[in-house]
Structures are given as C-alpha cells and as structure tokens.
Amino acid sequence: MIDWSVRPNMIFPVAFDYSPLNQQQKKSVLDICTRELLTPKGLRSLSPKSGGYNPMYVGPQTQRDYAYHQGTAWPWLGGFYMEACLKLYKRSRLSFIERHLVGYEDEMNYHCL
C-alpha cells in the first residue's frame, strides 16, 4: 500500500552530502518541508494535511504513543532542515536560519541542562 503522507524523513537526502536526488528534487523536498512540516521548534513528524495528524504529545501513555509519529514537532529534525537549507541556498538563507534558531533558545534553556 502506498502512503503519500508528508513526513520529515524526506529531508535527509537533501541534507546529506551524497544523495540520489538532483537539485530540482532537493528544492521540491525542501519547499514541501517548509510549507507542511516546519514549526518554530523543529519539523513535525507528519503534515497537518495528512490523515491521523495529532500534534499534541499529551494524555495517557497510549495517546502519547499514538501522537509520537503523528505530528509532534522534533527539534533534532530541525537541524537536518537547516543543513539542507544551507546546502541548497548557501549564505542567502543564513539570516533565515539565524532567526529560526532564536526560537530554540528558550526551549533549550527551559527543557535542557
């Protein structure tokens, strides 16, 4: 069964040095991730346009387990997104990346050591 869901694993071949994708395909993937997955705190694990989208990691354990890969935003995925931006657009995206990183600062101070 084909699953047409938009998920963040599509950003990896754009961020890596060696990729089976050509430049146009990489730009298309980055555009889709920007439009459907990017949040101020990272990339969502599923697009809001996809069936089963559940962005809130709250509630009892079974509800949290369901939400884990159904829309929760993950900061570590944002690193791959930013790497992909810089690989494709070089310094022209640097100010965008810097502005995006500001959103991580409070999160890191609040939730990390």
PDB file of N, CA and C in Angstrom:
ATOM      1  N   MET A   1       0.832  -1.182   0.000  1.00  0.00           N
ATOM      2  CA  MET A   1       0.000   0.000   0.000  1.00  0.00           C
ATOM      3  C   MET A   1       0.880   1.251   0.000  1.00  0.00           C
ATOM      4  N   ILE A   2       0.613   2.156  -0.883  1.00  0.00           N
ATOM      5  CA  ILE A   2       1.380   3.395  -0.986  1.00  0.00           C
ATOM      6  C   ILE A   2       0.860   4.382   0.044  1.00  0.00           C
ATOM      7  N   ASP A   3       1.783   4.985   0.776  1.00  0.00           N
ATOM      8  CA  ASP A   3       1.445   6.001   1.777  1.00  0.00           C
ATOM      9  C   ASP A   3       1.999   7.334   1.284  1.00  0.00           C
ATOM     10  N   TRP A   4       1.125   8.268   0.961  1.00  0.00           N
ATOM     11  CA  TRP A   4       1.535   9.551   0.416  1.00  0.00           C
ATOM     12  C   TRP A   4       1.699  10.619   1.506  1.00  0.00           C
ATOM     13  N   SER A   5       1.756  10.211   2.751  1.00  0.00           N
ATOM     14  CA  SER A   5       1.925  11.155   3.857  1.00  0.00           C
ATOM     15  C   SER A   5       3.238  11.922   3.720  1.00  0.00           C
ATOM     16  N   VAL A   6       3.191  13.179   4.110  1.00  0.00           N
ATOM     17  CA  VAL A   6       4.402  14.004   4.117  1.00  0.00           C
ATOM     18  C   VAL A   6       5.036  13.854   5.491  1.00  0.00           C
ATOM     19  N   ARG A   7       6.250  13.297   5.494  1.00  0.00           N
ATOM     20  CA  ARG A   7       6.965  13.028   6.739  1.00  0.00           C
ATOM     21  C   ARG A   7       8.378  13.611   6.654  1.00  0.00           C
ATOM     22  N   PRO A   8       9.021  13.840   7.795  1.00  0.00           N
ATOM     23  CA  PRO A   8      10.316  14.513   7.795  1.00  0.00           C
ATOM     24  C   PRO A   8      11.487  13.685   7.271  1.00  0.00           C
ATOM     25  N   ASN A   9      11.347  12.363   7.161  1.00  0.00           N
ATOM     26  CA  ASN A   9      12.477  11.572   6.681  1.00  0.00           C
ATOM     27  C   ASN A   9      12.870  11.950   5.252  1.00  0.00           C
ATOM     28  N   MET A  10      11.987  12.655   4.551  1.00  0.00           N
ATOM     29  CA  MET A  10      12.294  13.096   3.197  1.00  0.00           C
ATOM     30  C   MET A  10      13.374  14.190   3.182  1.00  0.00           C
ATOM     31  N   ILE A  11      13.654  14.823   4.322  1.00  0.00           N
ATOM     32  CA  ILE A  11      14.669  15.879   4.364  1.00  0.00           C
ATOM     33  C   ILE A  11      16.099  15.312   4.406  1.00  0.00           C
ATOM     34  N   PHE A  12      16.253  14.079   4.853  1.00  0.00           N
ATOM     35  CA  PHE A  12      17.599  13.508   4.999  1.00  0.00           C
ATOM     36  C   PHE A  12      18.412  13.495   3.704  1.00  0.00           C
ATOM     37  N   PRO A  13      17.880  13.009   2.578  1.00  0.00           N
ATOM     38  CA  PRO A  13      18.710  13.024   1.362  1.00  0.00           C
ATOM     39  C   PRO A  13      19.015  14.429   0.836  1.00  0.00           C
ATOM     40  N   VAL A  14      18.305  15.428   1.325  1.00  0.00           N
ATOM     41  CA  VAL A  14      18.609  16.809   0.945  1.00  0.00           C
ATOM     42  C   VAL A  14      19.760  17.331   1.804  1.00  0.00           C
ATOM     43  N   ALA A  15      19.809  16.919   3.060  1.00  0.00           N
ATOM     44  CA  ALA A  15      20.825  17.408   3.991  1.00  0.00           C
ATOM     45  C   ALA A  15      22.164  16.674   3.858  1.00  0.00           C
ATOM     46  N   PHE A  16      22.137  15.440   3.417  1.00  0.00           N
ATOM     47  CA  PHE A  16      23.375  14.643   3.341  1.00  0.00           C
ATOM     48  C   PHE A  16      24.240  15.064   2.161  1.00  0.00           C
ATOM     49  N   ASP A  17      25.547  14.822   2.284  1.00  0.00           N
ATOM     50  CA  ASP A  17      26.475  15.168   1.207  1.00  0.00           C
ATOM     51  C   ASP A  17      26.223  14.347  -0.056  1.00  0.00           C
ATOM     52  N   TYR A  18      25.894  13.092   0.107  1.00  0.00           N
ATOM     53  CA  TYR A  18      25.642  12.215  -1.044  1.00  0.00           C
ATOM     54  C   TYR A  18      24.162  11.894  -1.087  1.00  0.00           C
ATOM     55  N   SER A  19      23.537  12.128  -2.218  1.00  0.00           N
ATOM     56  CA  SER A  19      22.098  11.993  -2.326  1.00  0.00           C
ATOM     57  C   SER A  19      21.709  11.445  -3.704  1.00  0.00           C
ATOM     58  N   PRO A  20      20.669  10.635  -3.772  1.00  0.00           N
ATOM     59  CA  PRO A  20      20.172  10.186  -5.081  1.00  0.00           C
ATOM     60  C   PRO A  20      19.320  11.250  -5.780  1.00  0.00           C
ATOM     61  N   LEU A  21      19.050  12.358  -5.095  1.00  0.00           N
ATOM     62  CA  LEU A  21      18.193  13.406  -5.645  1.00  0.00           C
ATOM     63  C   LEU A  21      18.992  14.430  -6.435  1.00  0.00           C
ATOM     64  N   ASN A  22      18.395  14.944  -7.504  1.00  0.00           N
ATOM     65  CA  ASN A  22      19.033  16.045  -8.220  1.00  0.00           C
ATOM     66  C   ASN A  22      18.653  17.364  -7.538  1.00  0.00           C
ATOM     67  N   GLN A  23      19.201  18.467  -8.007  1.00  0.00           N
ATOM     68  CA  GLN A  23      18.980  19.765  -7.358  1.00  0.00           C
ATOM     69  C   GLN A  23      17.506  20.164  -7.341  1.00  0.00           C
ATOM     70  N   GLN A  24      16.809  19.937  -8.445  1.00  0.00           N
ATOM     71  CA  GLN A  24      15.394  20.317  -8.505  1.00  0.00           C
ATOM     72  C   GLN A  24      14.572  19.481  -7.522  1.00  0.00           C
ATOM     73  N   GLN A  25      14.856  18.205  -7.417  1.00  0.00           N
ATOM     74  CA  GLN A  25      14.153  17.341  -6.467  1.00  0.00           C
ATOM     75  C   GLN A  25      14.430  17.785  -5.033  1.00  0.00           C
ATOM     76  N   LYS A  26      15.678  18.136  -4.759  1.00  0.00           N
ATOM     77  CA  LYS A  26      16.037  18.619  -3.417  1.00  0.00           C
ATOM     78  C   LYS A  26      15.263  19.884  -3.073  1.00  0.00           C
ATOM     79  N   LYS A  27      15.176  20.810  -4.014  1.00  0.00           N
ATOM     80  CA  LYS A  27      14.430  22.050  -3.775  1.00  0.00           C
ATOM     81  C   LYS A  27      12.953  21.767  -3.550  1.00  0.00           C
ATOM     82  N   SER A  28      12.402  20.837  -4.298  1.00  0.00           N
ATOM     83  CA  SER A  28      10.991  20.470  -4.114  1.00  0.00           C
ATOM     84  C   SER A  28      10.744  19.893  -2.731  1.00  0.00           C
ATOM     85  N   VAL A  29      11.637  19.024  -2.286  1.00  0.00           N
ATOM     86  CA  VAL A  29      11.510  18.429  -0.949  1.00  0.00           C
ATOM     87  C   VAL A  29      11.607  19.515   0.117  1.00  0.00           C
ATOM     88  N   LEU A  30      12.582  20.406  -0.027  1.00  0.00           N
ATOM     89  CA  LEU A  30      12.750  21.482   0.956  1.00  0.00           C
ATOM     90  C   LEU A  30      11.513  22.388   0.980  1.00  0.00           C
ATOM     91  N   ASP A  31      10.963  22.690  -0.170  1.00  0.00           N
ATOM     92  CA  ASP A  31       9.754  23.520  -0.235  1.00  0.00           C
ATOM     93  C   ASP A  31       8.584  22.851   0.488  1.00  0.00           C
ATOM     94  N   ILE A  32       8.394  21.553   0.276  1.00  0.00           N
ATOM     95  CA  ILE A  32       7.302  20.829   0.927  1.00  0.00           C
ATOM     96  C   ILE A  32       7.516  20.796   2.440  1.00  0.00           C
ATOM     97  N   CYS A  33       8.745  20.536   2.862  1.00  0.00           N
ATOM     98  CA  CYS A  33       9.037  20.526   4.303  1.00  0.00           C
ATOM     99  C   CYS A  33       8.797  21.892   4.924  1.00  0.00           C
ATOM    100  N   THR A  34       9.183  22.948   4.217  1.00  0.00           N
ATOM    101  CA  THR A  34       8.967  24.307   4.719  1.00  0.00           C
ATOM    102  C   THR A  34       7.477  24.595   4.857  1.00  0.00           C
ATOM    103  N   ARG A  35       6.731  24.234   3.862  1.00  0.00           N
ATOM    104  CA  ARG A  35       5.299  24.521   3.824  1.00  0.00           C
ATOM    105  C   ARG A  35       4.490  23.669   4.804  1.00  0.00           C
ATOM    106  N   GLU A  36       4.835  22.387   4.938  1.00  0.00           N
ATOM    107  CA  GLU A  36       3.968  21.475   5.678  1.00  0.00           C
ATOM    108  C   GLU A  36       4.527  20.949   6.998  1.00  0.00           C
ATOM    109  N   LEU A  37       5.831  21.009   7.194  1.00  0.00           N
ATOM    110  CA  LEU A  37       6.403  20.394   8.397  1.00  0.00           C
ATOM    111  C   LEU A  37       7.121  21.361   9.332  1.00  0.00           C
ATOM    112  N   LEU A  38       7.603  22.473   8.830  1.00  0.00           N
ATOM    113  CA  LEU A  38       8.414  23.379   9.646  1.00  0.00           C
ATOM    114  C   LEU A  38       7.576  24.088  10.711  1.00  0.00           C
ATOM    115  N   THR A  39       8.080  24.067  11.935  1.00  0.00           N
ATOM    116  CA  THR A  39       7.495  24.815  13.050  1.00  0.00           C
ATOM    117  C   THR A  39       8.616  25.617  13.702  1.00  0.00           C
ATOM    118  N   PRO A  40       8.298  26.528  14.612  1.00  0.00           N
ATOM    119  CA  PRO A  40       9.356  27.263  15.316  1.00  0.00           C
ATOM    120  C   PRO A  40      10.218  26.368  16.214  1.00  0.00           C
ATOM    121  N   LYS A  41       9.792  25.135  16.463  1.00  0.00           N
ATOM    122  CA  LYS A  41      10.527  24.234  17.363  1.00  0.00           C
ATOM    123  C   LYS A  41      11.068  22.996  16.666  1.00  0.00           C
ATOM    124  N   GLY A  42      11.052  22.939  15.347  1.00  0.00           N
ATOM    125  CA  GLY A  42      11.566  21.779  14.625  1.00  0.00           C
ATOM    126  C   GLY A  42      10.618  21.347  13.529  1.00  0.00           C
ATOM    127  N   LEU A  43      10.824  20.134  13.028  1.00  0.00           N
ATOM    128  CA  LEU A  43       9.944  19.600  11.994  1.00  0.00           C
ATOM    129  C   LEU A  43       8.894  18.686  12.613  1.00  0.00           C
ATOM    130  N   ARG A  44       7.684  18.778  12.086  1.00  0.00           N
ATOM    131  CA  ARG A  44       6.622  17.866  12.512  1.00  0.00           C
ATOM    132  C   ARG A  44       6.931  16.462  11.996  1.00  0.00           C
ATOM    133  N   SER A  45       6.425  15.458  12.692  1.00  0.00           N
ATOM    134  CA  SER A  45       6.593  14.081  12.239  1.00  0.00           C
ATOM    135  C   SER A  45       5.540  13.675  11.213  1.00  0.00           C
ATOM    136  N   LEU A  46       4.568  14.541  10.952  1.00  0.00           N
ATOM    137  CA  LEU A  46       3.539  14.299   9.944  1.00  0.00           C
ATOM    138  C   LEU A  46       2.892  15.633   9.578  1.00  0.00           C
ATOM    139  N   SER A  47       2.567  15.796   8.323  1.00  0.00           N
ATOM    140  CA  SER A  47       1.907  17.016   7.866  1.00  0.00           C
ATOM    141  C   SER A  47       0.496  17.130   8.430  1.00  0.00           C
ATOM    142  N   PRO A  48       0.059  18.336   8.775  1.00  0.00           N
ATOM    143  CA  PRO A  48      -1.327  18.538   9.209  1.00  0.00           C
ATOM    144  C   PRO A  48      -2.346  18.170   8.134  1.00  0.00           C
ATOM    145  N   LYS A  49      -1.925  18.113   6.879  1.00  0.00           N
ATOM    146  CA  LYS A  49      -2.823  17.743   5.792  1.00  0.00           C
ATOM    147  C   LYS A  49      -3.048  16.233   5.699  1.00  0.00           C
ATOM    148  N   SER A  50      -2.244  15.466   6.424  1.00  0.00           N
ATOM    149  CA  SER A  50      -2.326  14.010   6.358  1.00  0.00           C
ATOM    150  C   SER A  50      -3.350  13.465   7.344  1.00  0.00           C
ATOM    151  N   GLY A  51      -3.957  12.366   6.989  1.00  0.00           N
ATOM    152  CA  GLY A  51      -4.896  11.707   7.890  1.00  0.00           C
ATOM    153  C   GLY A  51      -4.192  11.211   9.143  1.00  0.00           C
ATOM    154  N   GLY A  52      -4.872  11.286  10.258  1.00  0.00           N
ATOM    155  CA  GLY A  52      -4.292  10.820  11.510  1.00  0.00           C
ATOM    156  C   GLY A  52      -3.403  11.831  12.199  1.00  0.00           C
ATOM    157  N   TYR A  53      -3.331  13.050  11.677  1.00  0.00           N
ATOM    158  CA  TYR A  53      -2.476  14.084  12.273  1.00  0.00           C
ATOM    159  C   TYR A  53      -2.893  14.355  13.714  1.00  0.00           C
ATOM    160  N   ASN A  54      -1.922  14.322  14.620  1.00  0.00           N
ATOM    161  CA  ASN A  54      -2.154  14.566  16.044  1.00  0.00           C
ATOM    162  C   ASN A  54      -0.921  15.275  16.609  1.00  0.00           C
ATOM    163  N   PRO A  55      -0.952  16.605  16.717  1.00  0.00           N
ATOM    164  CA  PRO A  55       0.238  17.353  17.084  1.00  0.00           C
ATOM    165  C   PRO A  55       0.567  17.392  18.573  1.00  0.00           C
ATOM    166  N   MET A  56      -0.333  16.930  19.413  1.00  0.00           N
ATOM    167  CA  MET A  56      -0.147  17.102  20.852  1.00  0.00           C
ATOM    168  C   MET A  56       0.335  15.811  21.512  1.00  0.00           C
ATOM    169  N   TYR A  57       1.486  15.890  22.139  1.00  0.00           N
ATOM    170  CA  TYR A  57       2.057  14.753  22.862  1.00  0.00           C
ATOM    171  C   TYR A  57       1.641  14.887  24.328  1.00  0.00           C
ATOM    172  N   VAL A  58       0.375  14.598  24.602  1.00  0.00           N
ATOM    173  CA  VAL A  58      -0.199  14.722  25.940  1.00  0.00           C
ATOM    174  C   VAL A  58      -1.149  13.553  26.189  1.00  0.00           C
ATOM    175  N   GLY A  59      -1.583  13.441  27.443  1.00  0.00           N
ATOM    176  CA  GLY A  59      -2.589  12.444  27.795  1.00  0.00           C
ATOM    177  C   GLY A  59      -1.985  11.153  28.298  1.00  0.00           C
ATOM    178  N   PRO A  60      -2.821  10.108  28.382  1.00  0.00           N
ATOM    179  CA  PRO A  60      -2.334   8.814  28.852  1.00  0.00           C
ATOM    180  C   PRO A  60      -1.292   8.228  27.890  1.00  0.00           C
ATOM    181  N   GLN A  61      -0.574   7.229  28.352  1.00  0.00           N
ATOM    182  CA  GLN A  61       0.527   6.654  27.575  1.00  0.00           C
ATOM    183  C   GLN A  61       0.104   6.210  26.174  1.00  0.00           C
ATOM    184  N   THR A  62      -1.048   5.583  26.035  1.00  0.00           N
ATOM    185  CA  THR A  62      -1.481   5.124  24.705  1.00  0.00           C
ATOM    186  C   THR A  62      -1.730   6.302  23.761  1.00  0.00           C
ATOM    187  N   GLN A  63      -2.270   7.383  24.287  1.00  0.00           N
ATOM    188  CA  GLN A  63      -2.492   8.572  23.462  1.00  0.00           C
ATOM    189  C   GLN A  63      -1.164   9.207  23.067  1.00  0.00           C
ATOM    190  N   ARG A  64      -0.221   9.276  23.997  1.00  0.00           N
ATOM    191  CA  ARG A  64       1.103   9.825  23.688  1.00  0.00           C
ATOM    192  C   ARG A  64       1.830   8.950  22.669  1.00  0.00           C
ATOM    193  N   ASP A  65       1.727   7.632  22.825  1.00  0.00           N
ATOM    194  CA  ASP A  65       2.367   6.720  21.870  1.00  0.00           C
ATOM    195  C   ASP A  65       1.831   6.941  20.459  1.00  0.00           C
ATOM    196  N   TYR A  66       0.535   7.183  20.343  1.00  0.00           N
ATOM    197  CA  TYR A  66      -0.077   7.423  19.042  1.00  0.00           C
ATOM    198  C   TYR A  66       0.429   8.740  18.433  1.00  0.00           C
ATOM    199  N   ALA A  67       0.572   9.760  19.253  1.00  0.00           N
ATOM    200  CA  ALA A  67       0.974  11.082  18.757  1.00  0.00           C
ATOM    201  C   ALA A  67       2.450  11.153  18.380  1.00  0.00           C
ATOM    202  N   TYR A  68       3.240  10.259  18.907  1.00  0.00           N
ATOM    203  CA  TYR A  68       4.702  10.291  18.751  1.00  0.00           C
ATOM    204  C   TYR A  68       5.141  10.535  17.311  1.00  0.00           C
ATOM    205  N   HIS A  69       4.565   9.808  16.368  1.00  0.00           N
ATOM    206  CA  HIS A  69       4.943   9.948  14.960  1.00  0.00           C
ATOM    207  C   HIS A  69       3.792  10.468  14.106  1.00  0.00           C
ATOM    208  N   GLN A  70       2.839  11.129  14.734  1.00  0.00           N
ATOM    209  CA  GLN A  70       1.661  11.588  14.013  1.00  0.00           C
ATOM    210  C   GLN A  70       1.523  13.114  14.011  1.00  0.00           C
ATOM    211  N   GLY A  71       2.616  13.830  14.185  1.00  0.00           N
ATOM    212  CA  GLY A  71       2.547  15.277  14.076  1.00  0.00           C
ATOM    213  C   GLY A  71       3.357  16.040  15.099  1.00  0.00           C
ATOM    214  N   THR A  72       3.856  15.351  16.109  1.00  0.00           N
ATOM    215  CA  THR A  72       4.685  16.011  17.113  1.00  0.00           C
ATOM    216  C   THR A  72       5.907  16.641  16.436  1.00  0.00           C
ATOM    217  N   ALA A  73       6.281  17.849  16.839  1.00  0.00           N
ATOM    218  CA  ALA A  73       7.464  18.517  16.292  1.00  0.00           C
ATOM    219  C   ALA A  73       8.705  18.087  17.074  1.00  0.00           C
ATOM    220  N   TRP A  74       9.770  17.812  16.347  1.00  0.00           N
ATOM    221  CA  TRP A  74      11.022  17.356  16.951  1.00  0.00           C
ATOM    222  C   TRP A  74      12.153  18.322  16.620  1.00  0.00           C
ATOM    223  N   PRO A  75      12.773  18.933  17.638  1.00  0.00           N
ATOM    224  CA  PRO A  75      13.868  19.882  17.386  1.00  0.00           C
ATOM    225  C   PRO A  75      15.053  19.270  16.640  1.00  0.00           C
ATOM    226  N   TRP A  76      15.400  18.013  16.905  1.00  0.00           N
ATOM    227  CA  TRP A  76      16.568  17.416  16.243  1.00  0.00           C
ATOM    228  C   TRP A  76      16.383  17.327  14.739  1.00  0.00           C
ATOM    229  N   LEU A  77      15.145  17.220  14.270  1.00  0.00           N
ATOM    230  CA  LEU A  77      14.901  17.202  12.828  1.00  0.00           C
ATOM    231  C   LEU A  77      15.130  18.574  12.203  1.00  0.00           C
ATOM    232  N   GLY A  78      14.971  19.618  13.013  1.00  0.00           N
ATOM    233  CA  GLY A  78      15.226  20.973  12.529  1.00  0.00           C
ATOM    234  C   GLY A  78      16.668  21.161  12.095  1.00  0.00           C
ATOM    235  N   GLY A  79      17.578  20.462  12.730  1.00  0.00           N
ATOM    236  CA  GLY A  79      18.986  20.541  12.339  1.00  0.00           C
ATOM    237  C   GLY A  79      19.209  20.057  10.913  1.00  0.00           C
ATOM    238  N   PHE A  80      18.553  18.968  10.535  1.00  0.00           N
ATOM    239  CA  PHE A  80      18.669  18.467   9.170  1.00  0.00           C
ATOM    240  C   PHE A  80      18.012  19.429   8.175  1.00  0.00           C
ATOM    241  N   TYR A  81      16.910  20.023   8.591  1.00  0.00           N
ATOM    242  CA  TYR A  81      16.242  21.004   7.736  1.00  0.00           C
ATOM    243  C   TYR A  81      17.174  22.202   7.484  1.00  0.00           C
ATOM    244  N   MET A  82      17.780  22.714   8.549  1.00  0.00           N
ATOM    245  CA  MET A  82      18.672  23.868   8.413  1.00  0.00           C
ATOM    246  C   MET A  82      19.895  23.521   7.573  1.00  0.00           C
ATOM    247  N   GLU A  83      20.426  22.322   7.771  1.00  0.00           N
ATOM    248  CA  GLU A  83      21.562  21.865   6.963  1.00  0.00           C
ATOM    249  C   GLU A  83      21.177  21.816   5.483  1.00  0.00           C
ATOM    250  N   ALA A  84      19.986  21.308   5.194  1.00  0.00           N
ATOM    251  CA  ALA A  84      19.504  21.249   3.814  1.00  0.00           C
ATOM    252  C   ALA A  84      19.366  22.651   3.221  1.00  0.00           C
ATOM    253  N   CYS A  85      18.831  23.592   3.990  1.00  0.00           N
ATOM    254  CA  CYS A  85      18.698  24.983   3.525  1.00  0.00           C
ATOM    255  C   CYS A  85      20.052  25.558   3.135  1.00  0.00           C
ATOM    256  N   LEU A  86      21.026  25.357   3.995  1.00  0.00           N
ATOM    257  CA  LEU A  86      22.352  25.916   3.735  1.00  0.00           C
ATOM    258  C   LEU A  86      23.043  25.220   2.564  1.00  0.00           C
ATOM    259  N   LYS A  87      22.839  23.927   2.408  1.00  0.00           N
ATOM    260  CA  LYS A  87      23.439  23.214   1.270  1.00  0.00           C
ATOM    261  C   LYS A  87      22.867  23.718  -0.059  1.00  0.00           C
ATOM    262  N   LEU A  88      21.570  23.974  -0.084  1.00  0.00           N
ATOM    263  CA  LEU A  88      20.934  24.390  -1.335  1.00  0.00           C
ATOM    264  C   LEU A  88      21.085  25.873  -1.624  1.00  0.00           C
ATOM    265  N   TYR A  89      20.973  26.709  -0.599  1.00  0.00           N
ATOM    266  CA  TYR A  89      20.911  28.152  -0.816  1.00  0.00           C
ATOM    267  C   TYR A  89      22.109  28.925  -0.262  1.00  0.00           C
ATOM    268  N   LYS A  90      23.036  28.198   0.322  1.00  0.00           N
ATOM    269  CA  LYS A  90      24.278  28.795   0.855  1.00  0.00           C
ATOM    270  C   LYS A  90      23.966  29.964   1.795  1.00  0.00           C
ATOM    271  N   ARG A  91      24.721  31.025   1.678  1.00  0.00           N
ATOM    272  CA  ARG A  91      24.606  32.158   2.601  1.00  0.00           C
ATOM    273  C   ARG A  91      23.302  32.941   2.449  1.00  0.00           C
ATOM    274  N   SER A  92      22.604  32.780   1.357  1.00  0.00           N
ATOM    275  CA  SER A  92      21.365  33.542   1.174  1.00  0.00           C
ATOM    276  C   SER A  92      20.280  33.121   2.177  1.00  0.00           C
ATOM    277  N   ARG A  93      20.414  31.982   2.773  1.00  0.00           N
ATOM    278  CA  ARG A  93      19.452  31.531   3.795  1.00  0.00           C
ATOM    279  C   ARG A  93      19.991  31.668   5.218  1.00  0.00           C
ATOM    280  N   LEU A  94      21.165  32.222   5.380  1.00  0.00           N
ATOM    281  CA  LEU A  94      21.792  32.319   6.696  1.00  0.00           C
ATOM    282  C   LEU A  94      20.958  33.137   7.682  1.00  0.00           C
ATOM    283  N   SER A  95      20.419  34.277   7.271  1.00  0.00           N
ATOM    284  CA  SER A  95      19.625  35.088   8.202  1.00  0.00           C
ATOM    285  C   SER A  95      18.328  34.364   8.575  1.00  0.00           C
ATOM    286  N   PHE A  96      17.740  33.621   7.626  1.00  0.00           N
ATOM    287  CA  PHE A  96      16.546  32.823   7.925  1.00  0.00           C
ATOM    288  C   PHE A  96      16.872  31.775   8.992  1.00  0.00           C
ATOM    289  N   ILE A  97      17.991  31.112   8.842  1.00  0.00           N
ATOM    290  CA  ILE A  97      18.408  30.084   9.807  1.00  0.00           C
ATOM    291  C   ILE A  97      18.670  30.715  11.169  1.00  0.00           C
ATOM    292  N   GLU A  98      19.344  31.841  11.193  1.00  0.00           N
ATOM    293  CA  GLU A  98      19.620  32.524  12.462  1.00  0.00           C
ATOM    294  C   GLU A  98      18.327  32.918  13.172  1.00  0.00           C
ATOM    295  N   ARG A  99      17.357  33.433  12.439  1.00  0.00           N
ATOM    296  CA  ARG A  99      16.063  33.797  13.034  1.00  0.00           C
ATOM    297  C   ARG A  99      15.342  32.555  13.562  1.00  0.00           C
ATOM    298  N   HIS A 100      15.448  31.481  12.829  1.00  0.00           N
ATOM    299  CA  HIS A 100      14.789  30.241  13.251  1.00  0.00           C
ATOM    300  C   HIS A 100      15.430  29.689  14.533  1.00  0.00           C
ATOM    301  N   LEU A 101      16.723  29.814  14.649  1.00  0.00           N
ATOM    302  CA  LEU A 101      17.426  29.308  15.835  1.00  0.00           C
ATOM    303  C   LEU A 101      17.055  30.067  17.106  1.00  0.00           C
ATOM    304  N   VAL A 102      16.656  31.313  16.982  1.00  0.00           N
ATOM    305  CA  VAL A 102      16.234  32.088  18.147  1.00  0.00           C
ATOM    306  C   VAL A 102      15.081  31.385  18.847  1.00  0.00           C
ATOM    307  N   GLY A 103      14.200  30.755  18.094  1.00  0.00           N
ATOM    308  CA  GLY A 103      13.080  30.027  18.670  1.00  0.00           C
ATOM    309  C   GLY A 103      13.504  28.831  19.505  1.00  0.00           C
ATOM    310  N   TYR A 104      14.686  28.329  19.257  1.00  0.00           N
ATOM    311  CA  TYR A 104      15.187  27.176  20.003  1.00  0.00           C
ATOM    312  C   TYR A 104      15.793  27.584  21.346  1.00  0.00           C
ATOM    313  N   GLU A 105      16.231  28.826  21.443  1.00  0.00           N
ATOM    314  CA  GLU A 105      16.969  29.270  22.618  1.00  0.00           C
ATOM    315  C   GLU A 105      16.168  29.101  23.911  1.00  0.00           C
ATOM    316  N   ASP A 106      14.936  29.592  23.942  1.00  0.00           N
ATOM    317  CA  ASP A 106      14.103  29.449  25.139  1.00  0.00           C
ATOM    318  C   ASP A 106      13.845  27.983  25.463  1.00  0.00           C
ATOM    319  N   GLU A 107      13.600  27.209  24.431  1.00  0.00           N
ATOM    320  CA  GLU A 107      13.338  25.775  24.611  1.00  0.00           C
ATOM    321  C   GLU A 107      14.536  25.085  25.253  1.00  0.00           C
ATOM    322  N   MET A 108      15.718  25.410  24.778  1.00  0.00           N
ATOM    323  CA  MET A 108      16.944  24.806  25.313  1.00  0.00           C
ATOM    324  C   MET A 108      17.152  25.226  26.767  1.00  0.00           C
ATOM    325  N   ASN A 109      16.882  26.480  27.088  1.00  0.00           N
ATOM    326  CA  ASN A 109      17.044  26.957  28.459  1.00  0.00           C
ATOM    327  C   ASN A 109      16.019  26.352  29.393  1.00  0.00           C
ATOM    328  N   TYR A 110      14.833  26.109  28.877  1.00  0.00           N
ATOM    329  CA  TYR A 110      13.736  25.615  29.704  1.00  0.00           C
ATOM    330  C   TYR A 110      13.772  24.090  29.901  1.00  0.00           C
ATOM    331  N   HIS A 111      14.081  23.354  28.830  1.00  0.00           N
ATOM    332  CA  HIS A 111      13.977  21.890  28.864  1.00  0.00           C
ATOM    333  C   HIS A 111      15.311  21.154  28.908  1.00  0.00           C
ATOM    334  N   CYS A 112      16.414  21.852  28.789  1.00  0.00           N
ATOM    335  CA  CYS A 112      17.709  21.174  28.724  1.00  0.00           C
ATOM    336  C   CYS A 112      18.607  21.632  29.866  1.00  0.00           C
ATOM    337  N   LEU A 113      19.700  20.930  30.007  1.00  0.00           N
ATOM    338  CA  LEU A 113      20.663  21.307  31.056  1.00  0.00           C
ATOM    339  C   LEU A 113      21.460  22.510  30.649  1.00  0.00           C
TER     340      LEU A 113
END
